[in-house]
């Protein structure tokens, strides 16, 4: 029973994601941002700053699967919805 559950989880996780090739169905730009996490050091809360870079993403569909793919800025600028990817 446990083995079957483990196999189902492994294949379920690896089956998810964007196809390697298909048609661009969407575009998304995520601007860079900083977020703060507080960590306990002794009796003091210390802020830890995390910088996240900008991201350029294309939504790809192959007719069966669909998902987001991170791409370089020049690819994001060049591709339009309806274009073939890659």
PDB file of N, CA and C in Angstrom:
ATOM      1  N   UNK A   1       0.820  -1.190   0.000  1.00  0.00           N
ATOM      2  CA  UNK A   1       0.000   0.000   0.000  1.00  0.00           C
ATOM      3  C   UNK A   1       0.867   1.258   0.000  1.00  0.00           C
ATOM      4  N   UNK A   2       1.882   1.289   0.872  1.00  0.00           N
ATOM      5  CA  UNK A   2       2.759   2.452   0.937  1.00  0.00           C
ATOM      6  C   UNK A   2       3.540   2.624  -0.359  1.00  0.00           C
ATOM      7  N   UNK A   3       3.988   1.507  -0.920  1.00  0.00           N
ATOM      8  CA  UNK A   3       4.750   1.578  -2.166  1.00  0.00           C
ATOM      9  C   UNK A   3       3.893   2.151  -3.287  1.00  0.00           C
ATOM     10  N   UNK A   4       2.640   1.717  -3.378  1.00  0.00           N
ATOM     11  CA  UNK A   4       1.738   2.231  -4.410  1.00  0.00           C
ATOM     12  C   UNK A   4       1.510   3.723  -4.237  1.00  0.00           C
ATOM     13  N   UNK A   5       1.351   4.178  -2.998  1.00  0.00           N
ATOM     14  CA  UNK A   5       1.157   5.606  -2.724  1.00  0.00           C
ATOM     15  C   UNK A   5       2.399   6.392  -3.107  1.00  0.00           C
ATOM     16  N   UNK A   6       3.580   5.869  -2.763  1.00  0.00           N
ATOM     17  CA  UNK A   6       4.833   6.531  -3.099  1.00  0.00           C
ATOM     18  C   UNK A   6       5.003   6.630  -4.613  1.00  0.00           C
ATOM     19  N   UNK A   7       4.720   5.569  -5.332  1.00  0.00           N
ATOM     20  CA  UNK A   7       4.831   5.576  -6.796  1.00  0.00           C
ATOM     21  C   UNK A   7       3.856   6.588  -7.396  1.00  0.00           C
ATOM     22  N   UNK A   8       2.640   6.622  -6.876  1.00  0.00           N
ATOM     23  CA  UNK A   8       1.652   7.575  -7.378  1.00  0.00           C
ATOM     24  C   UNK A   8       2.099   9.008  -7.137  1.00  0.00           C
ATOM     25  N   UNK A   9       2.674   9.279  -5.980  1.00  0.00           N
ATOM     26  CA  UNK A   9       3.150  10.630  -5.683  1.00  0.00           C
ATOM     27  C   UNK A   9       4.313  11.016  -6.579  1.00  0.00           C
ATOM     28  N   UNK A  10       5.263  10.108  -6.784  1.00  0.00           N
ATOM     29  CA  UNK A  10       6.421  10.403  -7.626  1.00  0.00           C
ATOM     30  C   UNK A  10       5.984  10.684  -9.057  1.00  0.00           C
ATOM     31  N   UNK A  11       5.136   9.823  -9.610  1.00  0.00           N
ATOM     32  CA  UNK A  11       4.706  10.044 -10.988  1.00  0.00           C
ATOM     33  C   UNK A  11       3.785  11.251 -11.093  1.00  0.00           C
ATOM     34  N   UNK A  12       3.013  11.513 -10.077  1.00  0.00           N
ATOM     35  CA  UNK A  12       2.135  12.689 -10.080  1.00  0.00           C
ATOM     36  C   UNK A  12       2.930  13.973 -10.092  1.00  0.00           C
ATOM     37  N   UNK A  13       4.031  14.005  -9.349  1.00  0.00           N
ATOM     38  CA  UNK A  13       4.860  15.212  -9.295  1.00  0.00           C
ATOM     39  C   UNK A  13       5.643  15.387 -10.583  1.00  0.00           C
ATOM     40  N   UNK A  14       6.215  14.304 -11.114  1.00  0.00           N
ATOM     41  CA  UNK A  14       7.028  14.434 -12.315  1.00  0.00           C
ATOM     42  C   UNK A  14       6.182  14.658 -13.555  1.00  0.00           C
ATOM     43  N   UNK A  15       4.919  14.284 -13.537  1.00  0.00           N
ATOM     44  CA  UNK A  15       4.075  14.472 -14.706  1.00  0.00           C
ATOM     45  C   UNK A  15       3.606  15.917 -14.839  1.00  0.00           C
ATOM     46  N   UNK A  16       3.669  16.676 -13.765  1.00  0.00           N
ATOM     47  CA  UNK A  16       3.228  18.063 -13.788  1.00  0.00           C
ATOM     48  C   UNK A  16       4.276  18.935 -14.463  1.00  0.00           C
ATOM     49  N   UNK A  17       3.855  20.107 -14.903  1.00  0.00           N
ATOM     50  CA  UNK A  17       4.792  21.051 -15.481  1.00  0.00           C
ATOM     51  C   UNK A  17       4.430  21.367 -16.912  1.00  0.00           C
ATOM     52  N   UNK A  18       5.205  22.248 -17.478  1.00  0.00           N
ATOM     53  CA  UNK A  18       4.945  22.707 -18.836  1.00  0.00           C
ATOM     54  C   UNK A  18       5.538  21.754 -19.859  1.00  0.00           C
ATOM     55  N   UNK A  19       4.888  21.635 -21.002  1.00  0.00           N
ATOM     56  CA  UNK A  19       5.472  20.831 -22.079  1.00  0.00           C
ATOM     57  C   UNK A  19       6.728  21.508 -22.626  1.00  0.00           C
ATOM     58  N   UNK A  20       7.597  20.726 -23.254  1.00  0.00           N
ATOM     59  CA  UNK A  20       8.837  21.275 -23.806  1.00  0.00           C
ATOM     60  C   UNK A  20       8.604  22.071 -25.079  1.00  0.00           C
ATOM     61  N   UNK A  21       7.527  21.772 -25.792  1.00  0.00           N
ATOM     62  CA  UNK A  21       7.222  22.472 -27.041  1.00  0.00           C
ATOM     63  C   UNK A  21       5.708  22.620 -27.156  1.00  0.00           C
ATOM     64  N   UNK A  22       5.288  23.622 -27.896  1.00  0.00           N
ATOM     65  CA  UNK A  22       3.857  23.847 -28.079  1.00  0.00           C
ATOM     66  C   UNK A  22       3.585  25.254 -28.570  1.00  0.00           C
ATOM     67  N   UNK A  23       2.422  25.772 -28.200  1.00  0.00           N
ATOM     68  CA  UNK A  23       1.983  27.101 -28.622  1.00  0.00           C
ATOM     69  C   UNK A  23       1.947  28.013 -27.398  1.00  0.00           C
ATOM     70  N   UNK A  24       2.401  29.253 -27.577  1.00  0.00           N
ATOM     71  CA  UNK A  24       2.359  30.238 -26.495  1.00  0.00           C
ATOM     72  C   UNK A  24       0.904  30.660 -26.283  1.00  0.00           C
ATOM     73  N   UNK A  25       0.398  30.471 -25.059  1.00  0.00           N
ATOM     74  CA  UNK A  25      -0.994  30.842 -24.756  1.00  0.00           C
ATOM     75  C   UNK A  25      -1.072  31.981 -23.750  1.00  0.00           C
ATOM     76  N   UNK A  26       0.076  32.430 -23.234  1.00  0.00           N
ATOM     77  CA  UNK A  26       0.076  33.542 -22.295  1.00  0.00           C
ATOM     78  C   UNK A  26       1.487  34.005 -21.997  1.00  0.00           C
ATOM     79  N   UNK A  27       1.593  35.237 -21.501  1.00  0.00           N
ATOM     80  CA  UNK A  27       2.877  35.818 -21.125  1.00  0.00           C
ATOM     81  C   UNK A  27       2.726  36.455 -19.750  1.00  0.00           C
ATOM     82  N   UNK A  28       3.813  36.385 -18.958  1.00  0.00           N
ATOM     83  CA  UNK A  28       3.773  36.987 -17.630  1.00  0.00           C
ATOM     84  C   UNK A  28       5.158  37.545 -17.292  1.00  0.00           C
ATOM     85  N   UNK A  29       5.164  38.770 -16.765  1.00  0.00           N
ATOM     86  CA  UNK A  29       6.389  39.399 -16.279  1.00  0.00           C
ATOM     87  C   UNK A  29       6.243  39.600 -14.775  1.00  0.00           C
ATOM     88  N   UNK A  30       7.230  39.148 -14.023  1.00  0.00           N
ATOM     89  CA  UNK A  30       7.237  39.346 -12.577  1.00  0.00           C
ATOM     90  C   UNK A  30       8.405  40.261 -12.241  1.00  0.00           C
ATOM     91  N   UNK A  31       8.093  41.462 -11.742  1.00  0.00           N
ATOM     92  CA  UNK A  31       9.145  42.426 -11.431  1.00  0.00           C
ATOM     93  C   UNK A  31       9.955  41.966 -10.223  1.00  0.00           C
ATOM     94  N   UNK A  32      11.195  42.460 -10.098  1.00  0.00           N
ATOM     95  CA  UNK A  32      12.017  42.072  -8.953  1.00  0.00           C
ATOM     96  C   UNK A  32      11.418  42.620  -7.661  1.00  0.00           C
ATOM     97  N   UNK A  33      11.625  41.894  -6.583  1.00  0.00           N
ATOM     98  CA  UNK A  33      11.120  42.342  -5.294  1.00  0.00           C
ATOM     99  C   UNK A  33      11.991  41.789  -4.168  1.00  0.00           C
ATOM    100  N   UNK A  34      11.833  42.384  -2.993  1.00  0.00           N
ATOM    101  CA  UNK A  34      12.549  41.961  -1.797  1.00  0.00           C
ATOM    102  C   UNK A  34      11.537  41.578  -0.735  1.00  0.00           C
ATOM    103  N   UNK A  35      11.797  40.475  -0.046  1.00  0.00           N
ATOM    104  CA  UNK A  35      10.948  40.082   1.067  1.00  0.00           C
ATOM    105  C   UNK A  35      11.812  39.825   2.295  1.00  0.00           C
ATOM    106  N   UNK A  36      11.199  39.957   3.468  1.00  0.00           N
ATOM    107  CA  UNK A  36      11.929  39.882   4.729  1.00  0.00           C
ATOM    108  C   UNK A  36      11.453  38.682   5.538  1.00  0.00           C
ATOM    109  N   UNK A  37      12.415  37.975   6.084  1.00  0.00           N
ATOM    110  CA  UNK A  37      12.147  36.853   6.982  1.00  0.00           C
ATOM    111  C   UNK A  37      12.863  37.159   8.301  1.00  0.00           C
ATOM    112  N   UNK A  38      12.179  36.970   9.413  1.00  0.00           N
ATOM    113  CA  UNK A  38      12.800  37.211  10.709  1.00  0.00           C
ATOM    114  C   UNK A  38      13.245  35.889  11.314  1.00  0.00           C
ATOM    115  N   UNK A  39      14.506  35.859  11.750  1.00  0.00           N
ATOM    116  CA  UNK A  39      15.097  34.664  12.326  1.00  0.00           C
ATOM    117  C   UNK A  39      15.460  34.927  13.784  1.00  0.00           C
ATOM    118  N   UNK A  40      15.162  33.978  14.628  1.00  0.00           N
ATOM    119  CA  UNK A  40      15.475  34.088  16.059  1.00  0.00           C
ATOM    120  C   UNK A  40      16.949  33.777  16.269  1.00  0.00           C
ATOM    121  N   UNK A  41      17.692  34.725  16.849  1.00  0.00           N
ATOM    122  CA  UNK A  41      19.087  34.523  17.219  1.00  0.00           C
ATOM    123  C   UNK A  41      19.191  34.839  18.709  1.00  0.00           C
ATOM    124  N   UNK A  42      19.226  33.805  19.503  1.00  0.00           N
ATOM    125  CA  UNK A  42      19.189  34.004  20.956  1.00  0.00           C
ATOM    126  C   UNK A  42      17.827  34.545  21.347  1.00  0.00           C
ATOM    127  N   UNK A  43      17.818  35.749  21.900  1.00  0.00           N
ATOM    128  CA  UNK A  43      16.547  36.375  22.299  1.00  0.00           C
ATOM    129  C   UNK A  43      16.157  37.506  21.363  1.00  0.00           C
ATOM    130  N   UNK A  44      16.854  37.615  20.240  1.00  0.00           N
ATOM    131  CA  UNK A  44      16.630  38.726  19.312  1.00  0.00           C
ATOM    132  C   UNK A  44      16.097  38.213  17.976  1.00  0.00           C
ATOM    133  N   UNK A  45      15.145  38.950  17.398  1.00  0.00           N
ATOM    134  CA  UNK A  45      14.659  38.662  16.046  1.00  0.00           C
ATOM    135  C   UNK A  45      15.517  39.460  15.060  1.00  0.00           C
ATOM    136  N   UNK A  46      16.182  38.757  14.137  1.00  0.00           N
ATOM    137  CA  UNK A  46      17.060  39.393  13.166  1.00  0.00           C
ATOM    138  C   UNK A  46      16.415  39.319  11.783  1.00  0.00           C
ATOM    139  N   UNK A  47      16.299  40.459  11.091  1.00  0.00           N
ATOM    140  CA  UNK A  47      15.721  40.414   9.748  1.00  0.00           C
ATOM    141  C   UNK A  47      16.730  39.866   8.728  1.00  0.00           C
ATOM    142  N   UNK A  48      16.231  39.023   7.843  1.00  0.00           N
ATOM    143  CA  UNK A  48      17.033  38.502   6.734  1.00  0.00           C
ATOM    144  C   UNK A  48      16.313  38.913   5.454  1.00  0.00           C
ATOM    145  N   UNK A  49      16.999  39.659   4.600  1.00  0.00           N
ATOM    146  CA  UNK A  49      16.397  40.175   3.377  1.00  0.00           C
ATOM    147  C   UNK A  49      16.706  39.249   2.205  1.00  0.00           C
ATOM    148  N   UNK A  50      15.679  38.939   1.425  1.00  0.00           N
ATOM    149  CA  UNK A  50      15.817  38.079   0.250  1.00  0.00           C
ATOM    150  C   UNK A  50      15.424  38.874  -0.991  1.00  0.00           C
ATOM    151  N   UNK A  51      16.342  38.969  -1.959  1.00  0.00           N
ATOM    152  CA  UNK A  51      16.062  39.652  -3.221  1.00  0.00           C
ATOM    153  C   UNK A  51      15.697  38.624  -4.282  1.00  0.00           C
ATOM    154  N   UNK A  52      14.546  38.809  -4.894  1.00  0.00           N
ATOM    155  CA  UNK A  52      14.092  37.924  -5.973  1.00  0.00           C
ATOM    156  C   UNK A  52      14.256  38.665  -7.300  1.00  0.00           C
ATOM    157  N   UNK A  53      14.888  38.046  -8.294  1.00  0.00           N
ATOM    158  CA  UNK A  53      15.113  38.720  -9.577  1.00  0.00           C
ATOM    159  C   UNK A  53      13.833  38.791 -10.411  1.00  0.00           C
ATOM    160  N   UNK A  54      13.861  39.647 -11.438  1.00  0.00           N
ATOM    161  CA  UNK A  54      12.729  39.686 -12.355  1.00  0.00           C
ATOM    162  C   UNK A  54      12.650  38.370 -13.110  1.00  0.00           C
ATOM    163  N   UNK A  55      11.432  37.998 -13.507  1.00  0.00           N
ATOM    164  CA  UNK A  55      11.229  36.749 -14.241  1.00  0.00           C
ATOM    165  C   UNK A  55      10.339  36.992 -15.448  1.00  0.00           C
ATOM    166  N   UNK A  56      10.694  36.348 -16.535  1.00  0.00           N
ATOM    167  CA  UNK A  56       9.912  36.397 -17.763  1.00  0.00           C
ATOM    168  C   UNK A  56       9.390  34.994 -18.012  1.00  0.00           C
ATOM    169  N   UNK A  57       8.064  34.843 -18.152  1.00  0.00           N
ATOM    170  CA  UNK A  57       7.466  33.517 -18.305  1.00  0.00           C
ATOM    171  C   UNK A  57       6.499  33.478 -19.482  1.00  0.00           C
ATOM    172  N   UNK A  58       6.480  32.327 -20.139  1.00  0.00           N
ATOM    173  CA  UNK A  58       5.524  32.047 -21.216  1.00  0.00           C
ATOM    174  C   UNK A  58       4.687  30.847 -20.800  1.00  0.00           C
ATOM    175  N   UNK A  59       3.388  30.909 -21.077  1.00  0.00           N
ATOM    176  CA  UNK A  59       2.505  29.756 -20.839  1.00  0.00           C
ATOM    177  C   UNK A  59       2.454  28.968 -22.142  1.00  0.00           C
ATOM    178  N   UNK A  60       2.814  27.691 -22.059  1.00  0.00           N
ATOM    179  CA  UNK A  60       2.928  26.824 -23.233  1.00  0.00           C
ATOM    180  C   UNK A  60       1.884  25.719 -23.161  1.00  0.00           C
ATOM    181  N   UNK A  61       1.247  25.440 -24.300  1.00  0.00           N
ATOM    182  CA  UNK A  61       0.280  24.348 -24.387  1.00  0.00           C
ATOM    183  C   UNK A  61       0.613  23.481 -25.596  1.00  0.00           C
ATOM    184  N   UNK A  62       0.558  22.155 -25.382  1.00  0.00           N
ATOM    185  CA  UNK A  62       0.778  21.234 -26.500  1.00  0.00           C
ATOM    186  C   UNK A  62      -0.512  20.515 -26.883  1.00  0.00           C
ATOM    187  N   UNK A  63      -1.649  21.004 -26.381  1.00  0.00           N
ATOM    188  CA  UNK A  63      -2.930  20.383 -26.674  1.00  0.00           C
ATOM    189  C   UNK A  63      -3.403  19.466 -25.558  1.00  0.00           C
ATOM    190  N   UNK A  64      -2.461  18.912 -24.790  1.00  0.00           N
ATOM    191  CA  UNK A  64      -2.802  18.040 -23.655  1.00  0.00           C
ATOM    192  C   UNK A  64      -2.369  18.672 -22.336  1.00  0.00           C
ATOM    193  N   UNK A  65      -1.132  19.120 -22.286  1.00  0.00           N
ATOM    194  CA  UNK A  65      -0.589  19.727 -21.071  1.00  0.00           C
ATOM    195  C   UNK A  65      -0.374  21.216 -21.299  1.00  0.00           C
ATOM    196  N   UNK A  66      -0.365  21.967 -20.190  1.00  0.00           N
ATOM    197  CA  UNK A  66      -0.142  23.401 -20.263  1.00  0.00           C
ATOM    198  C   UNK A  66       0.564  23.837 -18.990  1.00  0.00           C
ATOM    199  N   UNK A  67       1.510  24.766 -19.110  1.00  0.00           N
ATOM    200  CA  UNK A  67       2.218  25.252 -17.930  1.00  0.00           C
ATOM    201  C   UNK A  67       3.129  26.411 -18.277  1.00  0.00           C
ATOM    202  N   UNK A  68       3.691  27.014 -17.209  1.00  0.00           N
ATOM    203  CA  UNK A  68       4.567  28.175 -17.359  1.00  0.00           C
ATOM    204  C   UNK A  68       6.018  27.749 -17.491  1.00  0.00           C
ATOM    205  N   UNK A  69       6.763  28.460 -18.373  1.00  0.00           N
ATOM    206  CA  UNK A  69       8.179  28.218 -18.598  1.00  0.00           C
ATOM    207  C   UNK A  69       8.914  29.542 -18.415  1.00  0.00           C
ATOM    208  N   UNK A  70       9.981  29.547 -17.621  1.00  0.00           N
ATOM    209  CA  UNK A  70      10.820  30.735 -17.493  1.00  0.00           C
ATOM    210  C   UNK A  70      11.730  30.819 -18.710  1.00  0.00           C
ATOM    211  N   UNK A  71      11.808  32.015 -19.282  1.00  0.00           N
ATOM    212  CA  UNK A  71      12.606  32.224 -20.489  1.00  0.00           C
ATOM    213  C   UNK A  71      13.436  33.503 -20.328  1.00  0.00           C
ATOM    214  N   UNK A  72      14.497  33.651 -21.127  1.00  0.00           N
ATOM    215  CA  UNK A  72      15.260  34.900 -21.105  1.00  0.00           C
ATOM    216  C   UNK A  72      14.397  36.066 -21.608  1.00  0.00           C
ATOM    217  N   UNK A  73      14.783  37.278 -21.251  1.00  0.00           N
ATOM    218  CA  UNK A  73      14.024  38.469 -21.623  1.00  0.00           C
ATOM    219  C   UNK A  73      13.871  38.598 -23.144  1.00  0.00           C
ATOM    220  N   UNK A  74      14.937  38.310 -23.901  1.00  0.00           N
ATOM    221  CA  UNK A  74      14.850  38.468 -25.351  1.00  0.00           C
ATOM    222  C   UNK A  74      13.851  37.489 -25.971  1.00  0.00           C
ATOM    223  N   UNK A  75      13.717  36.282 -25.410  1.00  0.00           N
ATOM    224  CA  UNK A  75      12.728  35.319 -25.910  1.00  0.00           C
ATOM    225  C   UNK A  75      11.322  35.795 -25.571  1.00  0.00           C
ATOM    226  N   UNK A  76      11.129  36.291 -24.353  1.00  0.00           N
ATOM    227  CA  UNK A  76       9.825  36.789 -23.898  1.00  0.00           C
ATOM    228  C   UNK A  76       9.362  37.953 -24.775  1.00  0.00           C
ATOM    229  N   UNK A  77      10.296  38.850 -25.118  1.00  0.00           N
ATOM    230  CA  UNK A  77       9.945  40.008 -25.943  1.00  0.00           C
ATOM    231  C   UNK A  77       9.606  39.597 -27.373  1.00  0.00           C
ATOM    232  N   UNK A  78      10.282  38.593 -27.887  1.00  0.00           N
ATOM    233  CA  UNK A  78      10.117  38.157 -29.282  1.00  0.00           C
ATOM    234  C   UNK A  78       8.850  37.333 -29.495  1.00  0.00           C
ATOM    235  N   UNK A  79       8.476  36.504 -28.528  1.00  0.00           N
ATOM    236  CA  UNK A  79       7.342  35.603 -28.694  1.00  0.00           C
ATOM    237  C   UNK A  79       6.007  36.320 -28.420  1.00  0.00           C
ATOM    238  N   UNK A  80       4.991  35.988 -29.210  1.00  0.00           N
ATOM    239  CA  UNK A  80       3.658  36.528 -29.034  1.00  0.00           C
ATOM    240  C   UNK A  80       2.687  35.354 -28.809  1.00  0.00           C
ATOM    241  N   UNK A  81       1.561  35.645 -28.173  1.00  0.00           N
ATOM    242  CA  UNK A  81       0.536  34.617 -27.984  1.00  0.00           C
ATOM    243  C   UNK A  81       0.138  34.081 -29.350  1.00  0.00           C
ATOM    244  N   UNK A  82       0.145  32.764 -29.487  1.00  0.00           N
ATOM    245  CA  UNK A  82      -0.169  32.111 -30.755  1.00  0.00           C
ATOM    246  C   UNK A  82       1.065  31.606 -31.483  1.00  0.00           C
ATOM    247  N   UNK A  83       2.256  32.099 -31.102  1.00  0.00           N
ATOM    248  CA  UNK A  83       3.506  31.648 -31.718  1.00  0.00           C
ATOM    249  C   UNK A  83       3.848  30.240 -31.236  1.00  0.00           C
ATOM    250  N   UNK A  84       4.603  29.505 -32.066  1.00  0.00           N
ATOM    251  CA  UNK A  84       5.112  28.199 -31.657  1.00  0.00           C
ATOM    252  C   UNK A  84       6.287  28.386 -30.720  1.00  0.00           C
ATOM    253  N   UNK A  85       6.422  27.475 -29.749  1.00  0.00           N
ATOM    254  CA  UNK A  85       7.541  27.493 -28.830  1.00  0.00           C
ATOM    255  C   UNK A  85       8.183  26.112 -28.849  1.00  0.00           C
ATOM    256  N   UNK A  86       9.456  25.957 -28.899  1.00  0.00           N
ATOM    257  CA  UNK A  86      10.439  27.013 -28.872  1.00  0.00           C
ATOM    258  C   UNK A  86      10.586  27.566 -30.211  1.00  0.00           C
TER     259      UNK A  86
END
